C-alpha atoms as a PDB file:
ATOM      1  CA  MET A   1     -34.566  32.160 -43.521  1.00  0.00           C
ATOM      2  CA  HIS A   2     -36.475  35.169 -44.805  1.00  0.00           C
ATOM      3  CA  ILE A   3     -37.609  37.623 -42.108  1.00  0.00           C
ATOM      4  CA  SER A   4     -40.373  40.184 -42.581  1.00  0.00           C
ATOM      5  CA  ILE A   5     -40.560  43.102 -40.169  1.00  0.00           C
ATOM      6  CA  ILE A   6     -44.039  44.680 -40.141  1.00  0.00           C
ATOM      7  CA  ILE A   7     -44.197  48.271 -38.858  1.00  0.00           C
ATOM      8  CA  PRO A   8     -47.530  50.157 -38.878  1.00  0.00           C
ATOM      9  CA  CYS A   9     -47.034  53.948 -38.921  1.00  0.00           C
ATOM     10  CA  TYR A  10     -49.364  56.824 -38.209  1.00  0.00           C
ATOM     11  CA  ASN A  11     -47.893  60.331 -37.840  1.00  0.00           C
ATOM     12  CA  GLU A  12     -44.470  59.089 -36.741  1.00  0.00           C
ATOM     13  CA  GLU A  13     -42.266  61.728 -38.420  1.00  0.00           C
ATOM     14  CA  LEU A  14     -40.309  62.350 -35.202  1.00  0.00           C
ATOM     15  CA  VAL A  15     -39.278  58.746 -34.724  1.00  0.00           C
ATOM     16  CA  ILE A  16     -39.492  56.902 -38.047  1.00  0.00           C
ATOM     17  CA  LEU A  17     -35.885  57.471 -39.156  1.00  0.00           C
ATOM     18  CA  GLU A  18     -34.541  56.268 -35.809  1.00  0.00           C
ATOM     19  CA  THR A  19     -36.865  53.264 -35.987  1.00  0.00           C
ATOM     20  CA  TYR A  20     -35.466  52.339 -39.394  1.00  0.00           C
ATOM     21  CA  LYS A  21     -31.870  52.656 -38.168  1.00  0.00           C
ATOM     22  CA  LYS A  22     -32.379  50.566 -35.038  1.00  0.00           C
ATOM     23  CA  LEU A  23     -34.348  47.843 -36.816  1.00  0.00           C
ATOM     24  CA  THR A  24     -31.764  47.628 -39.582  1.00  0.00           C
ATOM     25  CA  ASP A  25     -28.880  47.433 -37.107  1.00  0.00           C
ATOM     26  CA  GLU A  26     -30.523  44.581 -35.202  1.00  0.00           C
ATOM     27  CA  ILE A  27     -31.739  42.553 -38.158  1.00  0.00           C
ATOM     28  CA  LYS A  28     -28.377  42.697 -39.912  1.00  0.00           C
ATOM     29  CA  LYS A  29     -26.800  40.911 -36.949  1.00  0.00           C
ATOM     30  CA  LEU A  30     -28.708  37.785 -37.940  1.00  0.00           C
ATOM     31  CA  ASN A  31     -27.138  37.563 -41.427  1.00  0.00           C
ATOM     32  CA  GLU A  32     -30.457  36.484 -42.879  1.00  0.00           C
ATOM     33  CA  LYS A  33     -32.556  37.688 -45.791  1.00  0.00           C
ATOM     34  CA  TYR A  34     -35.053  40.298 -44.629  1.00  0.00           C
ATOM     35  CA  GLU A  35     -37.554  42.971 -45.606  1.00  0.00           C
ATOM     36  CA  LEU A  36     -38.836  45.970 -43.667  1.00  0.00           C
ATOM     37  CA  ILE A  37     -42.496  46.621 -44.453  1.00  0.00           C
ATOM     38  CA  PHE A  38     -43.694  50.042 -43.318  1.00  0.00           C
ATOM     39  CA  ILE A  39     -47.447  50.559 -43.544  1.00  0.00           C
ATOM     40  CA  ASN A  40     -48.363  54.235 -43.765  1.00  0.00           C
ATOM     41  CA  ASP A  41     -51.809  54.343 -42.185  1.00  0.00           C
ATOM     42  CA  GLY A  42     -52.998  57.653 -43.621  1.00  0.00           C
ATOM     43  CA  SER A  43     -50.428  59.842 -41.878  1.00  0.00           C
ATOM     44  CA  ASN A  44     -50.994  63.573 -42.326  1.00  0.00           C
ATOM     45  CA  ASP A  45     -47.466  64.625 -41.397  1.00  0.00           C
ATOM     46  CA  SER A  46     -44.196  63.936 -43.248  1.00  0.00           C
ATOM     47  CA  THR A  47     -44.032  60.232 -42.312  1.00  0.00           C
ATOM     48  CA  LEU A  48     -44.642  59.082 -45.893  1.00  0.00           C
ATOM     49  CA  SER A  49     -42.098  61.440 -47.463  1.00  0.00           C
ATOM     50  CA  ILE A  50     -39.435  60.295 -44.976  1.00  0.00           C
ATOM     51  CA  LEU A  51     -40.233  56.664 -45.741  1.00  0.00           C
ATOM     52  CA  LYS A  52     -39.999  57.315 -49.480  1.00  0.00           C
ATOM     53  CA  GLU A  53     -36.600  58.902 -49.031  1.00  0.00           C
ATOM     54  CA  ILE A  54     -35.424  55.872 -47.039  1.00  0.00           C
ATOM     55  CA  ALA A  55     -36.841  53.489 -49.643  1.00  0.00           C
ATOM     56  CA  THR A  56     -34.931  55.180 -52.492  1.00  0.00           C
ATOM     57  CA  LYS A  57     -31.667  54.385 -50.691  1.00  0.00           C
ATOM     58  CA  ASP A  58     -32.589  50.949 -49.345  1.00  0.00           C
ATOM     59  CA  ASN A  59     -34.560  48.578 -51.575  1.00  0.00           C
ATOM     60  CA  LEU A  60     -35.146  46.234 -48.618  1.00  0.00           C
ATOM     61  CA  VAL A  61     -37.502  48.877 -47.261  1.00  0.00           C
ATOM     62  CA  LYS A  62     -41.005  48.342 -48.628  1.00  0.00           C
ATOM     63  CA  ILE A  63     -43.883  50.761 -48.189  1.00  0.00           C
ATOM     64  CA  ILE A  64     -47.606  50.050 -48.209  1.00  0.00           C
ATOM     65  CA  ASN A  65     -49.408  53.380 -48.446  1.00  0.00           C
ATOM     66  CA  LEU A  66     -53.052  53.140 -47.391  1.00  0.00           C
ATOM     67  CA  SER A  67     -55.585  55.519 -48.941  1.00  0.00           C
ATOM     68  CA  ARG A  68     -56.609  56.850 -45.494  1.00  0.00           C
ATOM     69  CA  ASN A  69     -56.342  56.035 -41.809  1.00  0.00           C
ATOM     70  CA  PHE A  70     -57.900  52.591 -41.353  1.00  0.00           C
ATOM     71  CA  GLY A  71     -56.578  51.963 -37.841  1.00  0.00           C
ATOM     72  CA  HIS A  72     -53.682  50.093 -36.272  1.00  0.00           C
ATOM     73  CA  GLN A  73     -55.141  46.575 -36.520  1.00  0.00           C
ATOM     74  CA  ASN A  74     -56.020  46.981 -40.198  1.00  0.00           C
ATOM     75  CA  ALA A  75     -52.562  48.387 -40.945  1.00  0.00           C
ATOM     76  CA  VAL A  76     -50.940  45.355 -39.302  1.00  0.00           C
ATOM     77  CA  THR A  77     -53.300  43.114 -41.278  1.00  0.00           C
ATOM     78  CA  ALA A  78     -52.115  44.767 -44.506  1.00  0.00           C
ATOM     79  CA  GLY A  79     -48.534  44.007 -43.548  1.00  0.00           C
ATOM     80  CA  ILE A  80     -49.242  40.358 -42.765  1.00  0.00           C
ATOM     81  CA  ASN A  81     -51.239  39.949 -45.992  1.00  0.00           C
ATOM     82  CA  ASN A  82     -48.334  41.288 -48.087  1.00  0.00           C
ATOM     83  CA  CYS A  83     -45.234  39.883 -46.385  1.00  0.00           C
ATOM     84  CA  ASN A  84     -43.027  37.241 -47.993  1.00  0.00           C
ATOM     85  CA  GLY A  85     -41.058  36.036 -44.986  1.00  0.00           C
ATOM     86  CA  ASP A  86     -40.797  32.617 -43.421  1.00  0.00           C
ATOM     87  CA  ILE A  87     -41.435  34.482 -40.192  1.00  0.00           C
ATOM     88  CA  ALA A  88     -42.949  37.909 -39.523  1.00  0.00           C
ATOM     89  CA  VAL A  89     -42.119  40.295 -36.707  1.00  0.00           C
ATOM     90  CA  ILE A  90     -44.892  42.721 -35.715  1.00  0.00           C
ATOM     91  CA  ILE A  91     -43.568  45.825 -33.986  1.00  0.00           C
ATOM     92  CA  ASP A  92     -44.798  49.406 -33.577  1.00  0.00           C
ATOM     93  CA  ALA A  93     -42.822  52.359 -34.894  1.00  0.00           C
ATOM     94  CA  ASP A  94     -42.601  54.208 -31.554  1.00  0.00           C
ATOM     95  CA  LEU A  95     -39.647  52.119 -30.231  1.00  0.00           C
ATOM     96  CA  GLN A  96     -41.479  51.253 -27.020  1.00  0.00           C
ATOM     97  CA  ASP A  97     -40.959  47.620 -27.948  1.00  0.00           C
ATOM     98  CA  PRO A  98     -37.151  47.315 -28.252  1.00  0.00           C
ATOM     99  CA  PRO A  99     -35.765  46.156 -31.624  1.00  0.00           C
ATOM    100  CA  SER A 100     -32.877  44.598 -29.675  1.00  0.00           C
ATOM    101  CA  ALA A 101     -35.321  41.932 -28.466  1.00  0.00           C
ATOM    102  CA  ILE A 102     -35.973  40.636 -31.996  1.00  0.00           C
ATOM    103  CA  PRO A 103     -32.803  38.474 -32.370  1.00  0.00           C
ATOM    104  CA  LEU A 104     -33.447  36.996 -28.904  1.00  0.00           C
ATOM    105  CA  MET A 105     -37.052  36.216 -29.773  1.00  0.00           C
ATOM    106  CA  ILE A 106     -36.043  34.547 -33.055  1.00  0.00           C
ATOM    107  CA  GLU A 107     -33.431  32.497 -31.224  1.00  0.00           C
ATOM    108  CA  LYS A 108     -36.058  31.397 -28.692  1.00  0.00           C
ATOM    109  CA  MET A 109     -38.486  30.513 -31.477  1.00  0.00           C
ATOM    110  CA  GLN A 110     -35.899  28.286 -33.150  1.00  0.00           C
ATOM    111  CA  SER A 111     -34.586  26.653 -29.968  1.00  0.00           C
ATOM    112  CA  GLU A 112     -38.071  25.733 -28.742  1.00  0.00           C
ATOM    113  CA  SER A 113     -39.569  24.998 -32.192  1.00  0.00           C
ATOM    114  CA  ALA A 114     -42.392  27.443 -31.530  1.00  0.00           C
ATOM    115  CA  ASN A 115     -44.827  28.920 -34.027  1.00  0.00           C
ATOM    116  CA  VAL A 116     -45.394  32.139 -32.085  1.00  0.00           C
ATOM    117  CA  VAL A 117     -43.255  34.113 -29.659  1.00  0.00           C
ATOM    118  CA  TYR A 118     -45.260  36.887 -28.030  1.00  0.00           C
ATOM    119  CA  GLY A 119     -43.831  39.726 -25.978  1.00  0.00           C
ATOM    120  CA  VAL A 120     -44.944  39.983 -22.341  1.00  0.00           C
ATOM    121  CA  ARG A 121     -44.338  43.326 -20.647  1.00  0.00           C
ATOM    122  CA  LYS A 122     -42.585  42.942 -17.296  1.00  0.00           C
ATOM    123  CA  ASP A 123     -42.804  46.693 -16.752  1.00  0.00           C
ATOM    124  CA  ARG A 124     -43.901  49.697 -18.798  1.00  0.00           C
ATOM    125  CA  GLU A 125     -41.967  52.959 -18.655  1.00  0.00           C
ATOM    126  CA  GLY A 126     -43.465  56.364 -19.384  1.00  0.00           C
ATOM    127  CA  GLU A 127     -47.110  55.329 -18.954  1.00  0.00           C
ATOM    128  CA  THR A 128     -49.600  56.783 -16.490  1.00  0.00           C
ATOM    129  CA  TRP A 129     -50.971  54.754 -13.604  1.00  0.00           C
ATOM    130  CA  ILE A 130     -54.436  55.048 -15.149  1.00  0.00           C
ATOM    131  CA  LYS A 131     -53.295  53.359 -18.377  1.00  0.00           C
ATOM    132  CA  LEU A 132     -51.416  50.681 -16.429  1.00  0.00           C
ATOM    133  CA  LEU A 133     -54.467  49.984 -14.253  1.00  0.00           C
ATOM    134  CA  THR A 134     -56.963  49.896 -17.135  1.00  0.00           C
ATOM    135  CA  ALA A 135     -54.668  47.599 -19.154  1.00  0.00           C
ATOM    136  CA  LYS A 136     -54.311  45.243 -16.189  1.00  0.00           C
ATOM    137  CA  ILE A 137     -58.086  45.147 -15.655  1.00  0.00           C
ATOM    138  CA  PHE A 138     -58.811  44.729 -19.384  1.00  0.00           C
ATOM    139  CA  TYR A 139     -56.655  41.645 -19.962  1.00  0.00           C
ATOM    140  CA  ARG A 140     -58.060  39.895 -16.905  1.00  0.00           C
ATOM    141  CA  LEU A 141     -61.649  40.839 -17.720  1.00  0.00           C
ATOM    142  CA  LEU A 142     -61.216  39.607 -21.310  1.00  0.00           C
ATOM    143  CA  ASN A 143     -60.004  36.229 -20.040  1.00  0.00           C
ATOM    144  CA  LYS A 144     -63.010  35.979 -17.718  1.00  0.00           C
ATOM    145  CA  LEU A 145     -65.461  36.763 -20.513  1.00  0.00           C
ATOM    146  CA  SER A 146     -63.824  34.978 -23.422  1.00  0.00           C
ATOM    147  CA  ASP A 147     -64.121  31.350 -24.455  1.00  0.00           C
ATOM    148  CA  VAL A 148     -60.400  31.450 -25.351  1.00  0.00           C
ATOM    149  CA  SER A 149     -57.533  32.006 -22.913  1.00  0.00           C
ATOM    150  CA  PHE A 150     -55.345  34.995 -23.791  1.00  0.00           C
ATOM    151  CA  PRO A 151     -51.861  35.692 -22.394  1.00  0.00           C
ATOM    152  CA  LEU A 152     -51.815  38.584 -19.925  1.00  0.00           C
ATOM    153  CA  ASP A 153     -49.987  41.905 -20.394  1.00  0.00           C
ATOM    154  CA  THR A 154     -49.212  41.431 -24.079  1.00  0.00           C
ATOM    155  CA  GLY A 155     -49.555  43.627 -27.140  1.00  0.00           C
ATOM    156  CA  ASP A 156     -49.097  42.982 -30.834  1.00  0.00           C
ATOM    157  CA  PHE A 157     -45.300  42.738 -30.481  1.00  0.00           C
ATOM    158  CA  ARG A 158     -44.612  39.173 -31.521  1.00  0.00           C
ATOM    159  CA  ILE A 159     -43.070  36.825 -34.078  1.00  0.00           C
ATOM    160  CA  ILE A 160     -45.216  34.431 -36.093  1.00  0.00           C
ATOM    161  CA  ASP A 161     -44.109  31.738 -38.515  1.00  0.00           C
ATOM    162  CA  ARG A 162     -45.383  31.033 -42.026  1.00  0.00           C
ATOM    163  CA  SER A 163     -48.021  28.503 -40.915  1.00  0.00           C
ATOM    164  CA  VAL A 164     -49.603  31.134 -38.649  1.00  0.00           C
ATOM    165  CA  ILE A 165     -49.282  33.784 -41.383  1.00  0.00           C
ATOM    166  CA  ASN A 166     -51.089  31.562 -43.875  1.00  0.00           C
ATOM    167  CA  GLN A 167     -53.884  30.753 -41.432  1.00  0.00           C
ATOM    168  CA  PHE A 168     -54.248  34.435 -40.530  1.00  0.00           C
ATOM    169  CA  ASN A 169     -54.524  35.361 -44.209  1.00  0.00           C
ATOM    170  CA  SER A 170     -57.314  32.814 -44.653  1.00  0.00           C
ATOM    171  CA  LEU A 171     -59.513  34.501 -42.039  1.00  0.00           C
ATOM    172  CA  LYS A 172     -62.233  36.598 -43.656  1.00  0.00           C
ATOM    173  CA  GLU A 173     -63.681  38.408 -40.649  1.00  0.00           C
ATOM    174  CA  LYS A 174     -63.441  42.194 -40.350  1.00  0.00           C
ATOM    175  CA  ASN A 175     -62.536  44.335 -37.324  1.00  0.00           C
ATOM    176  CA  LYS A 176     -59.741  41.953 -36.367  1.00  0.00           C
ATOM    177  CA  TYR A 177     -58.314  41.833 -32.863  1.00  0.00           C
ATOM    178  CA  ILE A 178     -54.973  40.442 -33.986  1.00  0.00           C
ATOM    179  CA  ARG A 179     -53.410  39.301 -30.726  1.00  0.00           C
ATOM    180  CA  GLY A 180     -56.675  37.539 -29.886  1.00  0.00           C
ATOM    181  CA  LEU A 181     -56.941  35.817 -33.261  1.00  0.00           C
ATOM    182  CA  ILE A 182     -53.367  34.557 -33.070  1.00  0.00           C
ATOM    183  CA  SER A 183     -54.026  33.167 -29.573  1.00  0.00           C
ATOM    184  CA  TRP A 184     -57.239  31.559 -30.848  1.00  0.00           C
ATOM    185  CA  MET A 185     -55.359  29.711 -33.621  1.00  0.00           C
ATOM    186  CA  GLY A 186     -53.460  27.527 -31.212  1.00  0.00           C
ATOM    187  CA  TYR A 187     -50.105  26.112 -32.347  1.00  0.00           C
ATOM    188  CA  LYS A 188     -47.126  26.308 -30.021  1.00  0.00           C
ATOM    189  CA  GLN A 189     -46.963  29.785 -28.506  1.00  0.00           C
ATOM    190  CA  ILE A 190     -44.369  30.848 -25.949  1.00  0.00           C
ATOM    191  CA  PRO A 191     -43.764  34.113 -24.034  1.00  0.00           C
ATOM    192  CA  PHE A 192     -40.760  36.413 -24.153  1.00  0.00           C
ATOM    193  CA  TYR A 193     -40.483  38.759 -21.169  1.00  0.00           C
ATOM    194  CA  TYR A 194     -39.115  42.254 -21.703  1.00  0.00           C
ATOM    195  CA  SER A 195     -39.235  45.797 -20.353  1.00  0.00           C
ATOM    196  CA  ARG A 196     -41.328  48.182 -22.413  1.00  0.00           C
ATOM    197  CA  GLN A 197     -39.709  51.560 -22.846  1.00  0.00           C
ATOM    198  CA  ALA A 198     -41.135  55.061 -23.045  1.00  0.00           C
ATOM    199  CA  ARG A 199     -41.826  56.483 -26.503  1.00  0.00           C
ATOM    200  CA  PHE A 200     -38.688  57.692 -28.269  1.00  0.00           C
ATOM    201  CA  ALA A 201     -40.564  60.803 -29.465  1.00  0.00           C
ATOM    202  CA  GLY A 202     -44.053  62.025 -30.292  1.00  0.00           C
ATOM    203  CA  GLU A 203     -47.373  61.209 -28.663  1.00  0.00           C
ATOM    204  CA  THR A 204     -49.285  57.974 -28.203  1.00  0.00           C
ATOM    205  CA  LYS A 205     -51.584  57.012 -31.072  1.00  0.00           C
ATOM    206  CA  TYR A 206     -53.778  54.988 -28.722  1.00  0.00           C
ATOM    207  CA  PRO A 207     -55.728  57.440 -26.537  1.00  0.00           C
ATOM    208  CA  PHE A 208     -58.432  56.183 -24.182  1.00  0.00           C
ATOM    209  CA  LYS A 209     -61.161  56.320 -26.861  1.00  0.00           C
ATOM    210  CA  LYS A 210     -59.237  54.014 -29.220  1.00  0.00           C
ATOM    211  CA  MET A 211     -58.274  51.716 -26.370  1.00  0.00           C
ATOM    212  CA  LEU A 212     -61.935  51.415 -25.391  1.00  0.00           C
ATOM    213  CA  LYS A 213     -62.950  50.640 -28.986  1.00  0.00           C
ATOM    214  CA  LEU A 214     -60.289  47.911 -29.217  1.00  0.00           C
ATOM    215  CA  ALA A 215     -61.419  46.494 -25.881  1.00  0.00           C
ATOM    216  CA  LEU A 216     -65.058  46.322 -27.010  1.00  0.00           C
ATOM    217  CA  THR A 217     -64.030  44.723 -30.317  1.00  0.00           C
ATOM    218  CA  SER A 218     -62.079  42.033 -28.487  1.00  0.00           C
ATOM    219  CA  ILE A 219     -64.932  41.277 -26.081  1.00  0.00           C
ATOM    220  CA  PHE A 220     -67.756  41.183 -28.629  1.00  0.00           C
ATOM    221  CA  TYR A 221     -65.745  39.163 -31.171  1.00  0.00           C
ATOM    222  CA  PHE A 222     -64.440  36.563 -28.733  1.00  0.00           C
ATOM    223  CA  SER A 223     -67.211  36.152 -26.201  1.00  0.00           C
ATOM    224  CA  LYS A 224     -70.941  35.479 -26.016  1.00  0.00           C
ATOM    225  CA  LYS A 225     -70.968  36.014 -22.264  1.00  0.00           C
ATOM    226  CA  PRO A 226     -72.349  39.574 -22.513  1.00  0.00           C
ATOM    227  CA  LEU A 227     -75.480  37.934 -23.959  1.00  0.00           C
ATOM    228  CA  ASP A 228     -75.586  35.625 -20.946  1.00  0.00           C
ATOM    229  CA  ILE A 229     -75.250  38.678 -18.688  1.00  0.00           C
ATOM    230  CA  ALA A 230     -78.164  40.338 -20.509  1.00  0.00           C
ATOM    231  CA  ILE A 231     -80.302  37.225 -19.983  1.00  0.00           C
ATOM    232  CA  SER A 232     -79.337  37.128 -16.290  1.00  0.00           C
ATOM    233  CA  LEU A 233     -80.263  40.787 -15.866  1.00  0.00           C
ATOM    234  CA  GLY A 234     -83.616  40.077 -17.522  1.00  0.00           C
ATOM    235  CA  ILE A 235     -84.270  37.176 -15.156  1.00  0.00           C
ATOM    236  CA  ILE A 236     -83.313  39.310 -12.144  1.00  0.00           C
ATOM    237  CA  SER A 237     -85.558  42.179 -13.207  1.00  0.00           C
ATOM    238  CA  VAL A 238     -88.506  39.821 -13.829  1.00  0.00           C
ATOM    239  CA  SER A 239     -87.910  38.197 -10.436  1.00  0.00           C
ATOM    240  CA  ILE A 240     -87.937  41.589  -8.724  1.00  0.00           C
ATOM    241  CA  GLY A 241     -91.178  42.444 -10.511  1.00  0.00           C
ATOM    242  CA  LEU A 242     -92.817  39.175  -9.430  1.00  0.00           C
ATOM    243  CA  ILE A 243     -91.673  39.645  -5.851  1.00  0.00           C
ATOM    244  CA  TYR A 244     -93.116  43.147  -5.861  1.00  0.00           C
ATOM    245  CA  VAL A 245     -96.460  41.888  -7.253  1.00  0.00           C
ATOM    246  CA  LEU A 246     -96.532  39.140  -4.608  1.00  0.00           C
ATOM    247  CA  TRP A 247     -95.875  41.690  -1.877  1.00  0.00           C
ATOM    248  CA  VAL A 248     -98.784  43.844  -3.139  1.00  0.00           C
ATOM    249  CA  PHE A 249    -101.212  40.876  -3.056  1.00  0.00           C
ATOM    250  CA  ILE A 250    -100.094  39.858   0.423  1.00  0.00           C
ATOM    251  CA  SER A 251    -100.489  43.443   1.617  1.00  0.00           C
ATOM    252  CA  ILE A 252    -104.056  43.552   0.230  1.00  0.00           C
ATOM    253  CA  ILE A 253    -105.107  40.179   1.663  1.00  0.00           C
ATOM    254  CA  PHE A 254    -103.677  40.685   5.142  1.00  0.00           C
ATOM    255  CA  SER A 255    -104.135  44.457   5.285  1.00  0.00           C
ATOM    256  CA  LEU A 256    -100.455  44.999   6.088  1.00  0.00           C
ATOM    257  CA  GLY A 257    -100.521  48.661   5.168  1.00  0.00           C
ATOM    258  CA  HIS A 258    -100.937  51.052   2.319  1.00  0.00           C
ATOM    259  CA  VAL A 259    -100.319  49.426  -1.055  1.00  0.00           C
ATOM    260  CA  VAL A 260     -99.885  52.701  -2.894  1.00  0.00           C
ATOM    261  CA  THR A 261     -96.229  53.643  -2.409  1.00  0.00           C
ATOM    262  CA  GLY A 262     -96.423  56.886  -4.276  1.00  0.00           C
ATOM    263  CA  TRP A 263     -94.654  58.600  -7.101  1.00  0.00           C
ATOM    264  CA  THR A 264     -91.082  57.843  -5.949  1.00  0.00           C
ATOM    265  CA  SER A 265     -91.444  54.060  -5.948  1.00  0.00           C
ATOM    266  CA  THR A 266     -93.130  54.151  -9.364  1.00  0.00           C
ATOM    267  CA  ILE A 267     -90.318  56.199 -10.876  1.00  0.00           C
ATOM    268  CA  VAL A 268     -87.653  53.938  -9.311  1.00  0.00           C
ATOM    269  CA  ILE A 269     -89.257  50.850 -10.828  1.00  0.00           C
ATOM    270  CA  ILE A 270     -89.612  52.483 -14.256  1.00  0.00           C
ATOM    271  CA  VAL A 271     -85.993  53.646 -14.229  1.00  0.00           C
ATOM    272  CA  PHE A 272     -84.731  50.230 -13.089  1.00  0.00           C
ATOM    273  CA  PHE A 273     -86.580  48.200 -15.689  1.00  0.00           C
ATOM    274  CA  GLY A 274     -85.922  50.820 -18.375  1.00  0.00           C
ATOM    275  CA  GLY A 275     -82.198  50.675 -17.620  1.00  0.00           C
ATOM    276  CA  ILE A 276     -82.169  46.882 -17.867  1.00  0.00           C
ATOM    277  CA  GLN A 277     -83.955  47.034 -21.221  1.00  0.00           C
ATOM    278  CA  LEU A 278     -81.593  49.652 -22.632  1.00  0.00           C
ATOM    279  CA  LEU A 279     -78.544  47.715 -21.441  1.00  0.00           C
ATOM    280  CA  THR A 280     -79.676  44.424 -22.974  1.00  0.00           C
ATOM    281  CA  THR A 281     -80.747  46.181 -26.176  1.00  0.00           C
ATOM    282  CA  GLY A 282     -77.331  47.829 -26.380  1.00  0.00           C
ATOM    283  CA  ILE A 283     -75.532  44.498 -25.970  1.00  0.00           C
ATOM    284  CA  LEU A 284     -77.675  42.932 -28.686  1.00  0.00           C
ATOM    285  CA  GLY A 285     -77.055  45.990 -30.851  1.00  0.00           C
ATOM    286  CA  LYS A 286     -73.286  45.524 -30.628  1.00  0.00           C
ATOM    287  CA  TYR A 287     -73.535  41.949 -31.860  1.00  0.00           C
ATOM    288  CA  ILE A 288     -75.950  42.940 -34.620  1.00  0.00           C
ATOM    289  CA  GLY A 289     -73.602  45.777 -35.610  1.00  0.00           C
ATOM    290  CA  ASN A 290     -70.735  43.287 -35.914  1.00  0.00           C
ATOM    291  CA  LEU A 291     -72.906  41.089 -38.143  1.00  0.00           C
ATOM    292  CA  PHE A 292     -73.755  44.158 -40.239  1.00  0.00           C
ATOM    293  CA  ASP A 293     -70.052  44.962 -40.726  1.00  0.00           C
ATOM    294  CA  GLU A 294     -69.339  41.382 -41.766  1.00  0.00           C
ATOM    295  CA  ALA A 295     -72.319  41.267 -44.143  1.00  0.00           C
ATOM    296  CA  LYS A 296     -71.187  44.408 -45.989  1.00  0.00           C
ATOM    297  CA  ASN A 297     -67.948  42.575 -46.807  1.00  0.00           C
ATOM    298  CA  ARG A 298     -65.992  45.779 -47.367  1.00  0.00           C
ATOM    299  CA  PRO A 299     -62.184  45.467 -47.471  1.00  0.00           C
ATOM    300  CA  GLU A 300     -60.371  46.099 -44.200  1.00  0.00           C
ATOM    301  CA  TYR A 301     -58.093  48.575 -45.937  1.00  0.00           C
ATOM    302  CA  ILE A 302     -57.440  50.126 -49.344  1.00  0.00           C
ATOM    303  CA  ILE A 303     -53.886  50.348 -50.680  1.00  0.00           C
ATOM    304  CA  GLU A 304     -53.191  53.518 -52.633  1.00  0.00           C
ATOM    305  CA  ASN A 305     -49.756  52.387 -53.776  1.00  0.00           C
ATOM    306  CA  LYS A 306     -46.794  50.174 -52.901  1.00  0.00           C
ATOM    307  CA  ILE A 307     -43.100  50.953 -53.100  1.00  0.00           C
ATOM    308  CA  ASN A 308     -40.230  48.462 -53.600  1.00  0.00           C
ATOM    309  CA  PHE A 309     -42.520  45.440 -53.886  1.00  0.00           C
END
C-alpha cells in the first residue's frame, strides 16, 4: 500500500519541524510505502525554507509551493490532485489532529472495508467557548439547510481511498468545501472518534472571518434553501401589505378611525419591505456570484514549483 499524507501549511514555522517528525514516526510504524506532501500556501515566514531543508535530507518529503496564498481548501485540493497514494490522509500542520490517530484510522478503514474514515472530535482543547458554540451551531444549521447529510463535529482530518481521490479530481467546480464534497460522493464512510488537542505552537489560521466565509461557501454550494427562504419572506411581506390595505379599506367603509397613521408607520413599512428586498437580493447575489466564479474558470491554485516530485 502507498500512503500519501497531505499537509497544507501557512505560516507554520514554529511547528512544521515537529509536525514532520511526528508524522514520520507514526507512518514508519506501518512499514508501508509513503510520501509526505507539504503544500506551502503562500507563507510569508520561514515555513518554505524549513521545508526545503527537510526535503534535502528526506526525499519522501515532497513540497508543492503555491505562487501565493490561495486558502486552506485550495491548498488541500492541490495535495489531492498531486498525490500518488492508494490512500490519502488529510491533516493540518498545527498538530491539533494527532498523527498517532493515523495508524488506527488506516486499520479501521481496512477492517471495515471503508472508502473514507473521517475524524469526529469528541472534545476540543485550547478553543474558546465562542468557537465551540459557533462550530456546533454551524454543523447543525448546515444539515438543516443542505440537501445532503453531513457528519457533525468533523473537519478535514480524514483518510480517503483511491476511488474517492479519483472522483474528487474529476470535479471541476471552484471554491470547494472539501468535507462536504466527500460526504456528497457517497461510498462507505465511517467515523473515527478522537480528542482534538490545542495547537502545538503559533496562532490559528482560521479566524472568525475565514470561518464565516467557509460557512457561507458550504451553505450556498450545497443548498438551495436560502432561495426558498427568500421566496417565503417575499410571500410574508406581500401578505402583510395586503392585510394592511384591507384594514385601510375596512376603516374607510365603516369609519373605524383615522386612516392616516402618520410618519412613523410609513417609515416602518418602508424599512420592513426595503429590508426584505435587500435580503432577498443579497441571497440571489451570492448564487450569481458563485456562477460568476465558475464561469471564469480560473484555476483554484497556481503552483510556482515542486520539490522531490
